[in-house]
Amino acid sequence: MKQYVGDLFHQHKKKRKVLAKTPSFTSAIELICQTDALVTAPLHIAGQFIDKLPITIKPLPFELPVHSYYLLWHSKFQNDPAHRWFRDQSFLLLQQHLKETYDVGKLNHL
């Protein structure tokens, strides 16, 4: 995402000042609460913080490419029944979590 946003700034001949590089969206969101900076974050992540931190969520004035999430595992566990069960449960929980946090963020940025 960093390069895509940077490319958009460059295309529109706008400068941006990168204040910090953080290891996660969580730390970036916590950082903006202490500065006048902005952060570009996925809605399903930002939505988790709307009731916990003094942030405002607004849609971007441009489209970003869709990104996907993947579960990864070592191939030796591909047919392991316990591992398959855990993957199935993880997928269901992640899917539910993404939908819930996306919906919360969507409601709060309108």
C-alpha atoms as a PDB file:
ATOM      1  CA  MET A   1       0.000   0.000   0.000  1.00  0.00           C
ATOM      2  CA  LYS A   2       2.862   2.400   0.799  1.00  0.00           C
ATOM      3  CA  GLN A   3       4.087   2.484  -2.779  1.00  0.00           C
ATOM      4  CA  TYR A   4       0.595   2.886  -4.231  1.00  0.00           C
ATOM      5  CA  VAL A   5      -0.208   5.890  -2.037  1.00  0.00           C
ATOM      6  CA  GLY A   6       3.230   7.358  -2.739  1.00  0.00           C
ATOM      7  CA  ASP A   7       2.685   6.927  -6.480  1.00  0.00           C
ATOM      8  CA  LEU A   8      -0.635   8.767  -6.254  1.00  0.00           C
ATOM      9  CA  PHE A   9       1.016  11.688  -4.490  1.00  0.00           C
ATOM     10  CA  HIS A  10       3.717  11.746  -7.153  1.00  0.00           C
ATOM     11  CA  GLN A  11       1.180  11.621 -10.024  1.00  0.00           C
ATOM     12  CA  HIS A  12      -0.639  14.635  -8.576  1.00  0.00           C
ATOM     13  CA  LYS A  13       2.648  16.463  -7.947  1.00  0.00           C
ATOM     14  CA  LYS A  14       1.989  16.539  -4.211  1.00  0.00           C
ATOM     15  CA  LYS A  15       4.598  16.051  -1.532  1.00  0.00           C
ATOM     16  CA  ARG A  16       4.080  13.946   1.518  1.00  0.00           C
ATOM     17  CA  LYS A  17       6.172  13.801   4.628  1.00  0.00           C
ATOM     18  CA  VAL A  18       6.526  10.354   6.148  1.00  0.00           C
ATOM     19  CA  LEU A  19       6.605  10.986   9.882  1.00  0.00           C
ATOM     20  CA  ALA A  20       7.427   7.460  10.989  1.00  0.00           C
ATOM     21  CA  LYS A  21       7.566   3.857   9.905  1.00  0.00           C
ATOM     22  CA  THR A  22       5.806   1.534  12.309  1.00  0.00           C
ATOM     23  CA  PRO A  23       5.703  -2.260  12.545  1.00  0.00           C
ATOM     24  CA  SER A  24       1.908  -2.405  12.494  1.00  0.00           C
ATOM     25  CA  PHE A  25      -1.253  -0.470  11.803  1.00  0.00           C
ATOM     26  CA  THR A  26      -1.987  -0.589  15.535  1.00  0.00           C
ATOM     27  CA  SER A  27       1.140   1.367  16.423  1.00  0.00           C
ATOM     28  CA  ALA A  28       0.536   3.788  13.532  1.00  0.00           C
ATOM     29  CA  ILE A  29      -3.000   4.475  14.767  1.00  0.00           C
ATOM     30  CA  GLU A  30      -1.748   5.007  18.318  1.00  0.00           C
ATOM     31  CA  LEU A  31       0.902   7.390  16.958  1.00  0.00           C
ATOM     32  CA  ILE A  32      -1.611   9.622  15.161  1.00  0.00           C
ATOM     33  CA  CYS A  33      -3.417  10.145  18.462  1.00  0.00           C
ATOM     34  CA  GLN A  34      -0.325  12.020  19.658  1.00  0.00           C
ATOM     35  CA  THR A  35       0.372  14.038  16.486  1.00  0.00           C
ATOM     36  CA  ASP A  36      -1.327  15.898  13.661  1.00  0.00           C
ATOM     37  CA  ALA A  37      -0.392  13.110  11.239  1.00  0.00           C
ATOM     38  CA  LEU A  38      -2.635  10.941   9.084  1.00  0.00           C
ATOM     39  CA  VAL A  39      -2.490   7.216   8.457  1.00  0.00           C
ATOM     40  CA  THR A  40      -3.890   5.136   5.623  1.00  0.00           C
ATOM     41  CA  ALA A  41      -5.213   1.896   7.111  1.00  0.00           C
ATOM     42  CA  PRO A  42      -7.664  -0.817   6.118  1.00  0.00           C
ATOM     43  CA  LEU A  43     -11.178  -0.096   7.349  1.00  0.00           C
ATOM     44  CA  HIS A  44     -11.478  -3.407   9.176  1.00  0.00           C
ATOM     45  CA  ILE A  45      -8.432  -2.470  11.261  1.00  0.00           C
ATOM     46  CA  ALA A  46      -9.309   1.178  11.862  1.00  0.00           C
ATOM     47  CA  GLY A  47     -12.828   0.158  12.898  1.00  0.00           C
ATOM     48  CA  GLN A  48     -11.420  -1.728  15.882  1.00  0.00           C
ATOM     49  CA  PHE A  49     -10.181   1.527  17.410  1.00  0.00           C
ATOM     50  CA  ILE A  50     -13.140   3.847  16.869  1.00  0.00           C
ATOM     51  CA  ASP A  51     -14.483   3.342  20.411  1.00  0.00           C
ATOM     52  CA  LYS A  52     -11.063   3.058  22.065  1.00  0.00           C
ATOM     53  CA  LEU A  53      -9.075   5.973  20.673  1.00  0.00           C
ATOM     54  CA  PRO A  54      -9.904   9.555  19.659  1.00  0.00           C
ATOM     55  CA  ILE A  55      -9.802   8.935  15.905  1.00  0.00           C
ATOM     56  CA  THR A  56     -11.977   9.907  12.970  1.00  0.00           C
ATOM     57  CA  ILE A  57     -12.389   7.570  10.013  1.00  0.00           C
ATOM     58  CA  LYS A  58     -13.017   8.991   6.551  1.00  0.00           C
ATOM     59  CA  PRO A  59     -12.929   7.283   3.151  1.00  0.00           C
ATOM     60  CA  LEU A  60      -9.991   7.974   0.875  1.00  0.00           C
ATOM     61  CA  PRO A  61     -10.628  10.248  -2.105  1.00  0.00           C
ATOM     62  CA  PHE A  62      -9.208   7.524  -4.381  1.00  0.00           C
ATOM     63  CA  GLU A  63      -9.408   3.767  -4.771  1.00  0.00           C
ATOM     64  CA  LEU A  64      -6.727   1.410  -3.545  1.00  0.00           C
ATOM     65  CA  PRO A  65      -6.224  -2.073  -4.957  1.00  0.00           C
ATOM     66  CA  VAL A  66      -8.048  -4.843  -3.134  1.00  0.00           C
ATOM     67  CA  HIS A  67      -5.780  -6.962  -0.986  1.00  0.00           C
ATOM     68  CA  SER A  68      -6.285 -10.540   0.102  1.00  0.00           C
ATOM     69  CA  TYR A  69      -5.482 -12.475   3.235  1.00  0.00           C
ATOM     70  CA  TYR A  70      -4.112 -16.004   3.187  1.00  0.00           C
ATOM     71  CA  LEU A  71      -3.661 -18.766   5.731  1.00  0.00           C
ATOM     72  CA  LEU A  72      -0.279 -20.434   5.310  1.00  0.00           C
ATOM     73  CA  TRP A  73       0.979 -23.717   6.695  1.00  0.00           C
ATOM     74  CA  HIS A  74       3.729 -26.236   6.147  1.00  0.00           C
ATOM     75  CA  SER A  75       2.763 -28.784   3.493  1.00  0.00           C
ATOM     76  CA  LYS A  76       3.490 -31.725   5.811  1.00  0.00           C
ATOM     77  CA  PHE A  77       0.356 -30.725   7.776  1.00  0.00           C
ATOM     78  CA  GLN A  78      -1.891 -30.540   4.722  1.00  0.00           C
ATOM     79  CA  ASN A  79      -3.741 -33.790   5.536  1.00  0.00           C
ATOM     80  CA  ASP A  80      -3.393 -33.747   9.304  1.00  0.00           C
ATOM     81  CA  PRO A  81      -6.965 -33.882  10.750  1.00  0.00           C
ATOM     82  CA  ALA A  82      -6.199 -31.731  13.806  1.00  0.00           C
ATOM     83  CA  HIS A  83      -4.390 -29.166  11.712  1.00  0.00           C
ATOM     84  CA  ARG A  84      -7.230 -29.116   9.169  1.00  0.00           C
ATOM     85  CA  TRP A  85      -9.743 -28.571  11.992  1.00  0.00           C
ATOM     86  CA  PHE A  86      -7.654 -25.693  13.351  1.00  0.00           C
ATOM     87  CA  ARG A  87      -7.373 -24.112   9.878  1.00  0.00           C
ATOM     88  CA  ASP A  88     -11.131 -24.373   9.384  1.00  0.00           C
ATOM     89  CA  GLN A  89     -11.805 -22.773  12.768  1.00  0.00           C
ATOM     90  CA  SER A  90      -9.228 -20.052  12.136  1.00  0.00           C
ATOM     91  CA  PHE A  91     -10.754 -19.260   8.758  1.00  0.00           C
ATOM     92  CA  LEU A  92     -14.258 -18.938  10.220  1.00  0.00           C
ATOM     93  CA  LEU A  93     -13.090 -16.715  13.086  1.00  0.00           C
ATOM     94  CA  LEU A  94     -10.992 -14.498  10.825  1.00  0.00           C
ATOM     95  CA  GLN A  95     -13.825 -14.164   8.338  1.00  0.00           C
ATOM     96  CA  GLN A  96     -16.247 -13.171  11.110  1.00  0.00           C
ATOM     97  CA  HIS A  97     -13.722 -10.757  12.646  1.00  0.00           C
ATOM     98  CA  LEU A  98     -13.046  -9.043   9.303  1.00  0.00           C
ATOM     99  CA  LYS A  99     -16.754  -8.620   8.608  1.00  0.00           C
ATOM    100  CA  GLU A 100     -17.536  -7.265  12.091  1.00  0.00           C
ATOM    101  CA  THR A 101     -14.660  -4.791  12.203  1.00  0.00           C
ATOM    102  CA  TYR A 102     -15.280  -3.687   8.611  1.00  0.00           C
ATOM    103  CA  ASP A 103     -18.952  -3.070   9.410  1.00  0.00           C
ATOM    104  CA  VAL A 104     -18.048  -1.066  12.537  1.00  0.00           C
ATOM    105  CA  GLY A 105     -15.610   1.081  10.575  1.00  0.00           C
ATOM    106  CA  LYS A 106     -18.096   1.525   7.740  1.00  0.00           C
ATOM    107  CA  LEU A 107     -20.776   2.764  10.134  1.00  0.00           C
ATOM    108  CA  ASN A 108     -18.402   5.255  11.745  1.00  0.00           C
ATOM    109  CA  HIS A 109     -16.917   6.863   8.666  1.00  0.00           C
ATOM    110  CA  LEU A 110     -20.127   7.817   6.876  1.00  0.00           C
END
